[in-house]
Amino acid sequence: MHMMDWNGYRDQVLAGVGAIGKLSPDTTRGYAAMSGAGAKTGHLDAKTRELIAVACAITLRCDGCITVHTKAAQEAGASEEELAEALGVAIALNAGAGLVYSTRAMDAFSAATDA
């Protein structure tokens, strides 16, 4: 049993994006152009780009991005082990960001003491 119906949710997200596209076609065309721009350079293969996208989706906490890009990663040939490694990078990055931002909190605390 899965946490949620990811396939149904992905369909809902894509339908919602399609609806926005009808109301604001330039917005969705611009998004599509930006999304596809990286693929045109040919420096990274589709699987690597999708694994990066999933890791970013975790960092951004975007379920829509998670469902779209995990499917795309799978279709591009990513294995479950490769996905787990990419997720490990996202987890570490989030922990690192928490650590770095903790230094900001310590600095703010110190500044409040100085006031």
N, C-alpha and C. Protein backbone atom coordinates (compact mmCIF):
# COMPACT_ATOMS: atom_id res chain seq x y z
N MET A 1 0.84 -1.19 0.00
CA MET A 1 0.00 0.00 0.00
C MET A 1 0.88 1.24 0.00
N HIS A 2 0.54 2.19 -0.83
CA HIS A 2 1.31 3.42 -0.95
C HIS A 2 0.73 4.52 -0.04
N MET A 3 1.56 5.51 0.25
CA MET A 3 1.15 6.62 1.11
C MET A 3 -0.01 7.40 0.50
N MET A 4 0.00 7.49 -0.83
CA MET A 4 -1.08 8.18 -1.54
C MET A 4 -1.15 7.61 -2.95
N ASP A 5 -2.17 7.97 -3.67
CA ASP A 5 -2.33 7.53 -5.06
C ASP A 5 -1.51 8.46 -5.95
N TRP A 6 -0.21 8.16 -6.06
CA TRP A 6 0.70 9.03 -6.80
C TRP A 6 0.32 9.14 -8.27
N ASN A 7 -0.14 8.04 -8.85
CA ASN A 7 -0.50 8.07 -10.27
C ASN A 7 -1.73 8.96 -10.50
N GLY A 8 -2.73 8.81 -9.64
CA GLY A 8 -3.91 9.66 -9.74
C GLY A 8 -3.57 11.12 -9.46
N TYR A 9 -2.72 11.33 -8.47
CA TYR A 9 -2.30 12.69 -8.13
C TYR A 9 -1.55 13.33 -9.31
N ARG A 10 -0.65 12.55 -9.95
CA ARG A 10 0.10 13.06 -11.09
C ARG A 10 -0.88 13.48 -12.20
N ASP A 11 -1.89 12.66 -12.44
CA ASP A 11 -2.90 13.00 -13.45
C ASP A 11 -3.62 14.30 -13.08
N GLN A 12 -3.93 14.47 -11.80
CA GLN A 12 -4.59 15.69 -11.34
C GLN A 12 -3.69 16.91 -11.53
N VAL A 13 -2.41 16.76 -11.18
CA VAL A 13 -1.46 17.87 -11.34
C VAL A 13 -1.35 18.26 -12.81
N LEU A 14 -1.20 17.27 -13.67
CA LEU A 14 -1.06 17.56 -15.10
C LEU A 14 -2.34 18.19 -15.66
N ALA A 15 -3.50 17.73 -15.19
CA ALA A 15 -4.76 18.35 -15.62
C ALA A 15 -4.84 19.79 -15.13
N GLY A 16 -4.42 20.02 -13.90
CA GLY A 16 -4.42 21.38 -13.37
C GLY A 16 -3.49 22.30 -14.13
N VAL A 17 -2.32 21.79 -14.47
CA VAL A 17 -1.37 22.59 -15.26
C VAL A 17 -1.97 22.87 -16.64
N GLY A 18 -2.64 21.87 -17.21
CA GLY A 18 -3.30 22.07 -18.50
C GLY A 18 -4.36 23.15 -18.43
N ALA A 19 -5.11 23.18 -17.32
CA ALA A 19 -6.14 24.20 -17.14
C ALA A 19 -5.51 25.59 -17.02
N ILE A 20 -4.41 25.68 -16.30
CA ILE A 20 -3.71 26.97 -16.22
C ILE A 20 -3.21 27.37 -17.60
N GLY A 21 -2.74 26.38 -18.36
CA GLY A 21 -2.25 26.64 -19.71
C GLY A 21 -3.31 27.24 -20.62
N LYS A 22 -4.55 26.83 -20.43
CA LYS A 22 -5.64 27.40 -21.23
C LYS A 22 -5.91 28.86 -20.84
N LEU A 23 -5.76 29.16 -19.57
CA LEU A 23 -6.00 30.52 -19.08
C LEU A 23 -4.80 31.43 -19.30
N SER A 24 -3.62 30.87 -19.23
CA SER A 24 -2.39 31.66 -19.34
C SER A 24 -1.35 30.88 -20.14
N PRO A 25 -1.56 30.76 -21.45
CA PRO A 25 -0.68 29.92 -22.26
C PRO A 25 0.78 30.38 -22.26
N ASP A 26 1.03 31.65 -22.18
CA ASP A 26 2.42 32.11 -22.18
C ASP A 26 3.16 31.65 -20.93
N THR A 27 2.45 31.56 -19.82
CA THR A 27 3.07 31.09 -18.57
C THR A 27 3.53 29.65 -18.72
N THR A 28 2.65 28.79 -19.22
CA THR A 28 3.03 27.39 -19.33
C THR A 28 4.03 27.16 -20.47
N ARG A 29 3.92 27.94 -21.54
CA ARG A 29 4.93 27.84 -22.61
C ARG A 29 6.30 28.26 -22.08
N GLY A 30 6.33 29.30 -21.30
CA GLY A 30 7.60 29.76 -20.71
C GLY A 30 8.18 28.72 -19.77
N TYR A 31 7.32 28.10 -18.97
CA TYR A 31 7.78 27.04 -18.08
C TYR A 31 8.33 25.87 -18.88
N ALA A 32 7.62 25.47 -19.93
CA ALA A 32 8.06 24.35 -20.76
C ALA A 32 9.40 24.66 -21.43
N ALA A 33 9.56 25.89 -21.89
CA ALA A 33 10.84 26.28 -22.52
C ALA A 33 11.98 26.22 -21.51
N MET A 34 11.72 26.71 -20.32
CA MET A 34 12.75 26.70 -19.28
C MET A 34 13.07 25.26 -18.87
N SER A 35 12.05 24.44 -18.73
CA SER A 35 12.24 23.05 -18.33
C SER A 35 13.03 22.26 -19.36
N GLY A 36 12.83 22.55 -20.62
CA GLY A 36 13.50 21.81 -21.67
C GLY A 36 14.85 22.36 -22.08
N ALA A 37 15.19 23.55 -21.58
CA ALA A 37 16.43 24.21 -22.01
C ALA A 37 17.67 23.39 -21.65
N GLY A 38 17.69 22.81 -20.48
CA GLY A 38 18.86 22.04 -20.05
C GLY A 38 19.12 20.84 -20.93
N ALA A 39 18.06 20.23 -21.40
CA ALA A 39 18.21 19.03 -22.24
C ALA A 39 18.91 19.35 -23.56
N LYS A 40 18.79 20.57 -24.00
CA LYS A 40 19.37 20.95 -25.29
C LYS A 40 20.89 21.04 -25.27
N THR A 41 21.48 21.18 -24.09
CA THR A 41 22.94 21.29 -24.03
C THR A 41 23.61 19.95 -24.24
N GLY A 42 22.94 18.88 -23.83
CA GLY A 42 23.49 17.55 -24.01
C GLY A 42 24.59 17.17 -23.03
N HIS A 43 24.82 17.97 -22.01
CA HIS A 43 25.88 17.66 -21.05
C HIS A 43 25.47 16.58 -20.06
N LEU A 44 24.19 16.54 -19.71
CA LEU A 44 23.67 15.52 -18.81
C LEU A 44 22.64 14.69 -19.56
N ASP A 45 22.57 13.41 -19.24
CA ASP A 45 21.55 12.59 -19.86
C ASP A 45 20.22 12.77 -19.12
N ALA A 46 19.15 12.29 -19.73
CA ALA A 46 17.81 12.48 -19.17
C ALA A 46 17.69 11.87 -17.77
N LYS A 47 18.28 10.71 -17.57
CA LYS A 47 18.19 10.05 -16.26
C LYS A 47 18.82 10.92 -15.17
N THR A 48 19.99 11.47 -15.44
CA THR A 48 20.68 12.31 -14.46
C THR A 48 19.86 13.56 -14.17
N ARG A 49 19.33 14.20 -15.23
CA ARG A 49 18.51 15.40 -15.03
C ARG A 49 17.29 15.09 -14.17
N GLU A 50 16.65 13.95 -14.42
CA GLU A 50 15.46 13.60 -13.65
C GLU A 50 15.79 13.25 -12.20
N LEU A 51 16.92 12.60 -11.96
CA LEU A 51 17.34 12.32 -10.59
C LEU A 51 17.63 13.63 -9.84
N ILE A 52 18.24 14.58 -10.52
CA ILE A 52 18.47 15.90 -9.91
C ILE A 52 17.12 16.56 -9.62
N ALA A 53 16.19 16.45 -10.56
CA ALA A 53 14.87 17.06 -10.36
C ALA A 53 14.17 16.45 -9.15
N VAL A 54 14.27 15.14 -8.97
CA VAL A 54 13.64 14.52 -7.80
C VAL A 54 14.31 15.02 -6.52
N ALA A 55 15.63 15.10 -6.51
CA ALA A 55 16.33 15.60 -5.33
C ALA A 55 15.90 17.04 -5.02
N CYS A 56 15.77 17.85 -6.05
CA CYS A 56 15.30 19.23 -5.84
C CYS A 56 13.86 19.24 -5.33
N ALA A 57 13.04 18.34 -5.86
CA ALA A 57 11.64 18.26 -5.42
C ALA A 57 11.55 17.95 -3.94
N ILE A 58 12.45 17.10 -3.46
CA ILE A 58 12.48 16.78 -2.03
C ILE A 58 12.85 18.03 -1.24
N THR A 59 13.85 18.74 -1.71
CA THR A 59 14.30 19.95 -1.02
C THR A 59 13.21 21.01 -1.00
N LEU A 60 12.45 21.11 -2.10
CA LEU A 60 11.37 22.09 -2.19
C LEU A 60 10.06 21.61 -1.57
N ARG A 61 10.02 20.32 -1.25
CA ARG A 61 8.81 19.69 -0.67
C ARG A 61 7.61 19.84 -1.60
N CYS A 62 7.82 19.52 -2.88
CA CYS A 62 6.78 19.65 -3.90
C CYS A 62 6.31 18.26 -4.33
N ASP A 63 5.15 17.84 -3.85
CA ASP A 63 4.62 16.53 -4.21
C ASP A 63 4.35 16.40 -5.70
N GLY A 64 3.91 17.48 -6.34
CA GLY A 64 3.68 17.45 -7.78
C GLY A 64 4.96 17.15 -8.53
N CYS A 65 6.04 17.82 -8.13
CA CYS A 65 7.34 17.58 -8.76
C CYS A 65 7.82 16.16 -8.47
N ILE A 66 7.58 15.68 -7.26
CA ILE A 66 8.00 14.32 -6.90
C ILE A 66 7.33 13.31 -7.83
N THR A 67 6.02 13.40 -7.98
CA THR A 67 5.32 12.39 -8.77
C THR A 67 5.67 12.47 -10.26
N VAL A 68 5.80 13.66 -10.79
CA VAL A 68 6.14 13.82 -12.21
C VAL A 68 7.57 13.35 -12.48
N HIS A 69 8.50 13.77 -11.64
CA HIS A 69 9.92 13.48 -11.93
C HIS A 69 10.35 12.08 -11.51
N THR A 70 9.68 11.45 -10.53
CA THR A 70 10.03 10.06 -10.24
C THR A 70 9.60 9.17 -11.41
N LYS A 71 8.44 9.45 -11.98
CA LYS A 71 8.00 8.67 -13.15
C LYS A 71 8.95 8.91 -14.32
N ALA A 72 9.32 10.16 -14.56
CA ALA A 72 10.23 10.47 -15.66
C ALA A 72 11.60 9.83 -15.43
N ALA A 73 12.07 9.80 -14.18
CA ALA A 73 13.35 9.17 -13.88
C ALA A 73 13.28 7.67 -14.17
N GLN A 74 12.19 7.06 -13.76
CA GLN A 74 12.00 5.64 -14.01
C GLN A 74 11.97 5.36 -15.51
N GLU A 75 11.24 6.19 -16.25
CA GLU A 75 11.15 6.02 -17.70
C GLU A 75 12.50 6.25 -18.38
N ALA A 76 13.35 7.07 -17.76
CA ALA A 76 14.69 7.34 -18.32
C ALA A 76 15.69 6.27 -17.92
N GLY A 77 15.23 5.27 -17.16
CA GLY A 77 16.10 4.15 -16.82
C GLY A 77 16.71 4.17 -15.43
N ALA A 78 16.29 5.09 -14.59
CA ALA A 78 16.83 5.15 -13.23
C ALA A 78 16.39 3.93 -12.43
N SER A 79 17.29 3.42 -11.64
CA SER A 79 16.98 2.29 -10.76
C SER A 79 16.55 2.83 -9.39
N GLU A 80 15.96 1.96 -8.61
CA GLU A 80 15.58 2.33 -7.25
C GLU A 80 16.81 2.71 -6.43
N GLU A 81 17.93 2.02 -6.67
CA GLU A 81 19.17 2.33 -5.95
C GLU A 81 19.71 3.71 -6.34
N GLU A 82 19.61 4.05 -7.61
CA GLU A 82 20.06 5.38 -8.05
C GLU A 82 19.18 6.47 -7.45
N LEU A 83 17.87 6.21 -7.41
CA LEU A 83 16.96 7.18 -6.79
C LEU A 83 17.31 7.35 -5.32
N ALA A 84 17.57 6.25 -4.62
CA ALA A 84 17.91 6.33 -3.19
C ALA A 84 19.19 7.15 -2.99
N GLU A 85 20.16 6.99 -3.88
CA GLU A 85 21.40 7.77 -3.76
C GLU A 85 21.13 9.26 -3.98
N ALA A 86 20.30 9.57 -4.98
CA ALA A 86 19.95 10.98 -5.22
C ALA A 86 19.20 11.56 -4.03
N LEU A 87 18.32 10.76 -3.43
CA LEU A 87 17.59 11.22 -2.26
C LEU A 87 18.53 11.44 -1.08
N GLY A 88 19.57 10.62 -0.98
CA GLY A 88 20.57 10.81 0.07
C GLY A 88 21.26 12.16 -0.07
N VAL A 89 21.51 12.57 -1.30
CA VAL A 89 22.10 13.90 -1.54
C VAL A 89 21.13 14.99 -1.08
N ALA A 90 19.85 14.83 -1.41
CA ALA A 90 18.85 15.82 -0.99
C ALA A 90 18.75 15.89 0.53
N ILE A 91 18.75 14.74 1.18
CA ILE A 91 18.68 14.71 2.64
C ILE A 91 19.88 15.42 3.26
N ALA A 92 21.07 15.12 2.74
CA ALA A 92 22.29 15.75 3.27
C ALA A 92 22.27 17.25 3.02
N LEU A 93 21.81 17.66 1.85
CA LEU A 93 21.76 19.09 1.53
C LEU A 93 20.82 19.82 2.47
N ASN A 94 19.67 19.21 2.74
CA ASN A 94 18.73 19.84 3.67
C ASN A 94 19.30 19.92 5.08
N ALA A 95 20.01 18.88 5.50
CA ALA A 95 20.65 18.92 6.82
C ALA A 95 21.73 19.99 6.85
N GLY A 96 22.50 20.07 5.78
CA GLY A 96 23.55 21.10 5.69
C GLY A 96 22.97 22.50 5.72
N ALA A 97 21.87 22.70 5.01
CA ALA A 97 21.23 24.01 5.02
C ALA A 97 20.74 24.36 6.43
N GLY A 98 20.21 23.36 7.13
CA GLY A 98 19.78 23.59 8.51
C GLY A 98 20.95 23.99 9.39
N LEU A 99 22.09 23.34 9.19
CA LEU A 99 23.28 23.66 9.97
C LEU A 99 23.77 25.08 9.65
N VAL A 100 23.84 25.42 8.36
CA VAL A 100 24.29 26.76 7.97
C VAL A 100 23.33 27.83 8.50
N TYR A 101 22.03 27.60 8.39
CA TYR A 101 21.07 28.58 8.88
C TYR A 101 21.08 28.67 10.40
N SER A 102 21.51 27.61 11.06
CA SER A 102 21.65 27.66 12.52
C SER A 102 22.71 28.68 12.92
N THR A 103 23.75 28.83 12.09
CA THR A 103 24.76 29.85 12.39
C THR A 103 24.15 31.25 12.31
N ARG A 104 23.17 31.43 11.43
CA ARG A 104 22.49 32.72 11.33
C ARG A 104 21.67 32.99 12.60
N ALA A 105 21.00 31.94 13.11
CA ALA A 105 20.24 32.09 14.34
C ALA A 105 21.16 32.44 15.52
N MET A 106 22.31 31.78 15.57
CA MET A 106 23.28 32.09 16.63
C MET A 106 23.76 33.52 16.51
N ASP A 107 24.00 33.99 15.29
CA ASP A 107 24.44 35.36 15.07
C ASP A 107 23.34 36.35 15.47
N ALA A 108 22.08 36.06 15.13
CA ALA A 108 20.96 36.92 15.50
C ALA A 108 20.82 36.97 17.02
N PHE A 109 21.01 35.85 17.67
CA PHE A 109 20.94 35.81 19.13
C PHE A 109 22.03 36.69 19.73
N SER A 110 23.23 36.58 19.17
CA SER A 110 24.35 37.38 19.64
C SER A 110 24.10 38.87 19.43
N ALA A 111 23.52 39.21 18.27
CA ALA A 111 23.22 40.62 17.97
C ALA A 111 22.17 41.15 18.94
N ALA A 112 21.19 40.33 19.29
CA ALA A 112 20.14 40.76 20.23
C ALA A 112 20.75 41.02 21.60
N THR A 113 21.74 40.26 21.96
CA THR A 113 22.43 40.47 23.24
C THR A 113 23.17 41.78 23.25
N ASP A 114 23.74 42.15 22.08
CA ASP A 114 24.50 43.40 21.96
C ASP A 114 23.62 44.64 22.01
N ALA A 115 22.32 44.48 21.72
CA ALA A 115 21.42 45.64 21.62
C ALA A 115 21.13 46.26 22.96
